[in-house]
Amino acid sequence: MTTTTDLPKQYTPADHEPRIWQRWLDANAFHADPDRVLNGEAPPYAVVIPPPNVTGALHLGHALNNTIQDVLVRAHRMMGYETIWLPGTDHAGIATQTVVDKRLKSEGKPALVDYKKIEAEGGNGREQFTAQVMAWKDEYEARITAQLQAMGCSCDWERQRFTMDKVCARAVREAFFRLFKNGLIYRGKRLVNWDPVTQTALADDEVEMHEVDGAFYDLRYPLVHPAAKGEHHKPVTWGELAARGMPGAEAHPDDEQAWVTVATTRPETYLGDVAVAVNPRDPRAAALRGLRCRLPIVGRIVPIIEDDYVVLPVAFGGPAGDAKAEMSTGFLKVTPAHDPNDYEIGRRHEAEIEEACSAGTWLINVMAPDATISADHGWTDINDAKIFLGKTREEARKLVISEFKARTVAEGQEGSLLDRTRPHRHSVGHSYRSHAVIEPYLSDQWYVKVTDDQLKGNALRAMAPNQRSGATLQNLGGTGVPPVTTSSLPEQEEPAGDGQLRFYPDRYSKTFESWHENLRDWCISRQLWWGHRIPVWSGTLTVDANTDPHTATDLIVSGLWEILHDDSRCAAAQVFDESGEPIALDDVLAIHHRDRTYQFFVCLDGRYQGNETALEDLGFVQDPDVLDTWFSSALWPLSTLGWPDPDQSPDTRHLLDAFNPTSVLCTAREIITLWVSRMVMFNRYFRGAESSEQQNSGTADRTARPSSAATSESAAPSSSRHLPGPLPFRDVFIHAMIQDGEGRKMSKSLGNGVDPMDIIASHGSDAMRFTLCHMTTQTQDVRVPVEPDPKTGKNTSPKFDLGRNFCNKLWNASRFTLSILHKSPEAADVSTADVRTLALADRWMLSRLTAGVRAAESSLAQYQFSAYATTLYDLLWRDFCDWYLEAIKPTVAASPQQRAVLRTTLDAICRLLHPVAPFITEAIHEQLRQAPGGSIDGIELTPPRKGDTLCTAGWPITDDALIDPEADAAFERARALVAAIREVRAQHQVPPKRAITLHCAETPDDETAALVRTLANVDTITADAPAGPSVAFSFEQREHKLSNLADAVDAGAERERLTKQIAELDKSIGALEGRLNNPGYAERAPAHLVEQSRAQLEQAKADRDAARAALDTLA
């Protein structure tokens, strides 16, 4: 027979958690069987873990996110769903490469710069460096896995993925190939967000904006007349401008050279200026038309162009009070290669600038990748500006200001080229990884055309209609019908997934929607070594008049055509002519396109390694860049399930059909744009394509002959359109952020971080999980006050004491319950009819249990984790421990039916608590399963499905018939009376063990009286008046008294207490009467608040009357 010694007196988590974890693994408890879904045996519930970066160990935010995921997963597993939670890690390209490089440098080992030298000299430096990063990955992946397992995360550990493993790499190659082939990936020279420290491009959403203290520098550019090439550009005088009618020109000496003043926060970029812009509505614009500016020091002649983008100064028509108009000079230096807004202006005026700018181009890049001033990247007219070469941006800025301050517009004129400097606080982009200031940088990069309706549009149409604005509904559709752009599709078909994506809390749907409304194409190439290398090979091909690829002796021509036209090989090409314009592959051989050289970009899907070798043998070179980390992350709900070939590997077989779409994604708000958006786009695009292909051909035709793809942002969208596929997940829960007690983000630099492993060591995994869940509301971030542990010196928080105390309460209640069950082993089942005859406390407990099950289910369904934890806290601590266990102590040993209620209630509570506190509930339940006790009709507690583990047992199913309003009301009345008696005892310091007498106007019924006797230690309940000293109190607006308090009543002290109580009640009554007598309150306040005030007034008057009567008795 099992005894209470099986549960030690104290719960020590370290004594149980490792053993229980191994039991779960041995039982294969977390391994999902997709066949149970596909054959209809169980509904699916799937979650993919947001893969932690392998840059370092997990922090408390990871603990929060993985706790709430595990709560959902464990609950649904117990509810009968075939549940899969897929774990894995992310290679985190730029972050991991940076941290490994930093460690190598700190250890004095060869670092990235050294390996690049080896590569440049023809060695395998890239391979050697990535091996170092892979070793780091292995180390931290193991550490992360151990942390997740210590937290109790019930992932399907046999199916762990890494974003660069073979399965994920296959998905990346396939996705890139399909997008490339269909024109949704293209290469373009554009301004990108450039990180000069890591020297790679960043996407818009990888740039963090920070307010910095800077300045507006007002620079004077001398005006000159246009001149033929090689001729002198004559200065423009103020007198000439005055004659042209330019406002303000008359204020200057007629014979002095005139200038325009540009305002800039980045004077160093003037070296790349190609024009000066003025608003055509500026009254000065007409006088300047046709004139030029000479850039000081550089000597470049640039045109004055007119563009509406330029902000009008207040003095010349700009709006008064507008901050930009107040700061504007009305003249804008145009530097297209170093500013995104200038880039757009340059594109609009490209022909005009190239004709009038002495440099002959509208794009001049004056910086190297490390953001130093350089003449090696497109700047040719350096002249005297060579003094800036090699300077950093900051050094060049200072030197420009110094030179402008020392020079004048013309020799002999007064006044510096630096007009003035004005302090200016503004928002500046910084790299999310290196934190360096971002440099807008002109370079060739690869882009995903996310602005295409097949991606952007389908992401927006995925949203639940009531979470979208009217504008996107009107413009893009999505109420269950295909958009206009797919009108050629069968009308009866409705896109799977439209309107099914829902955000919790609701407010984050606005973040998702607004991001897509302002979307720009996604730059996916990164100048790194760690990551998925871009699967594109480039080379040039000259086609002469006699070229025939079918009979050619030219091995390059014949070999390339064989690769691109062999249906057994998946290859696609994007082709450009000598002017950089895209051209269809088959048009290359057209007669009018002969005798030209073409640049080919060939993409391979990776299934045939021979293609890569063949291309390289033809002189083609693979792109050295890697893909943005978020590209592989965007495929996570697909790649983890084995897409595109799920049945080629035993651990992914049938997963895609069974578990995509997944059920919910739990993540943080800062990656709604970086990750959530792209997963929705990719899942709908790729699964929709497969669905369409299967409908058209019966099987997915993945070897179709490739065609030339669109190659620029403005290119026409691909004609290969299809209905969108299902979502990657139906719900998105955005969890709170964890902050320290002062509301600051936890970080190493601030020293305010808390390591979850330290909390597990000091409090236990369950205590940490319960506390985090209890704090997770949908309205605000979580503040966790941080203080050093006096024993270990490590950071901890008193917040986690709540979870530890709760676990101790559960443990002690379980020990008490087990001791009762083993001492009285006789068991009895309770039928439906028997339930109505149970004692009041039993009926109330079953009613409270049933209500608790309903509340827990409702909370989990709405992702209200704090409400879920609070429900269980109250059910265990208040209902079960504080009241039910105390109420049944006198009777439970003699009542088999009451023991059945006791055992069933604890069993059900353990099941309800298991998702949030899995270790302790498993430890208790393995003993409880062996304890004697009967069952209760209306409560179904199915046994474990795998290995006698609670985690695979059934969720408690309770019949609503067990909810007993009469028992609830009766018990609550008894509990309120007991609470009132206990308050009087406490006020008069009457020992709890001293039996007392209760005098009431009307004696309660027998069941209530029995509860009061037990719970308040009352030996007698009578309607008779007390014969000796007593203490009066009010209950239900009637006077009650307690006697037999011995010497506990101090008459003087009691008179003082009652007098003070009466005064406080008089004050409350006056305030309530004033409120209710105010006509405005009665008219405007909600009816329930008015009624509440009336009830409060009646209760206060009754309490005052009782206190007065008690005071009279003492007198």
Foldseek 3Di string as FASTA:
>chain_A
DDALVLFPPFDDQVVFQVVVLVLCVVQLVLAFDLVCQVVVVAAAFEEEALAAELLAADFLQSLLLLLLVLLLQLFVLQAGHRYAYEYEHFPQFLQLLVSLQVVCVVVVHDHLVNLVVCVVVVHPSLVVSLVSSVVSSVVSVVNRVVVSVQLVRSHSVVLYDYCPDPLLLLVLLQLLLVLQLQFQKFKDWAWFFADLVSLKGDWPLQWDKDKDKFKKWKFWWWKFAADPPPDDTHFQFLLLLVVLVAPPSVVDPRPDGDTAIFIDRQVLLLLQFLEKEAAPQFSRVSSQPRIWTQDPQLRKIHYYYHDNVFAAAVVRPHDPPDPNNPPGSRMHGQALFWDVVSVVVCVVCFVVSLVRIPLNGSHADQADSSQQGDPPPHNDSCHRVPVRGPHHSVRSRVVSVVVQQVDDSDPPDDDGSGNDMGIDIDMFIARSNPRHTITGHTDMFMWRLCLDCLALLLLVQLAAVVLDDPVSCVVRNNPFFHGPVVVVPDRVDTFARGNQAAEPPSVLSVVLHVCSVPDDITGWWILGSPAAFAQKWKDKDAFAQPDDLVPDPPCLSVLVCCQQFPLVFSKAKWKAWPVRHTDKPVCCNPNVNHRTMMMIIMGGSPPDPVVVVSCVVSVIDGDNTHTHSLSSLLCSLPSSLSPPCQCVDPSNPSSCVSAPQHAEYEEASSCCPSHVSSNFRSQFNPQQLQVVCCVVPVGNSNRDRRMHHHHDNPGDRGPSDGRTHHGNHRYYYHWAAEAEQVRHHDDVVVLQTAHVVVCCNVQNSLLSLLLSLLQIASPHHHYFHWDADPVPRGIDGCSSVVSSVLLRLLSNLLSVLLNLLVVQVDADEAEPVNLVVDFLLLLQLLQLLQVLLVQLVVCSVSVGRSSNSVSLSCNRPPSPPLASVLQCVVPSSPDNHVSQSSLLSSLLSLLSCCSSRVRSSQSSVVSSVPGHYYHYPQWDWAAAPTSRTSSSTHRIGGHNVSNDPVSNVLVVLLVVVLVQLVVVCVVLVQDQQDAKEKADCDFDDPSSVSSSCRSRVHPYYYNDDDPDDWAWFDDPLGIMIIDPSPPSDDLVVLLVVLVVLLVVLVVLLVVLVVQLPPVVNVVPPDPVVSVVSVVVNSSSVSRNVNSVVRNVVSD
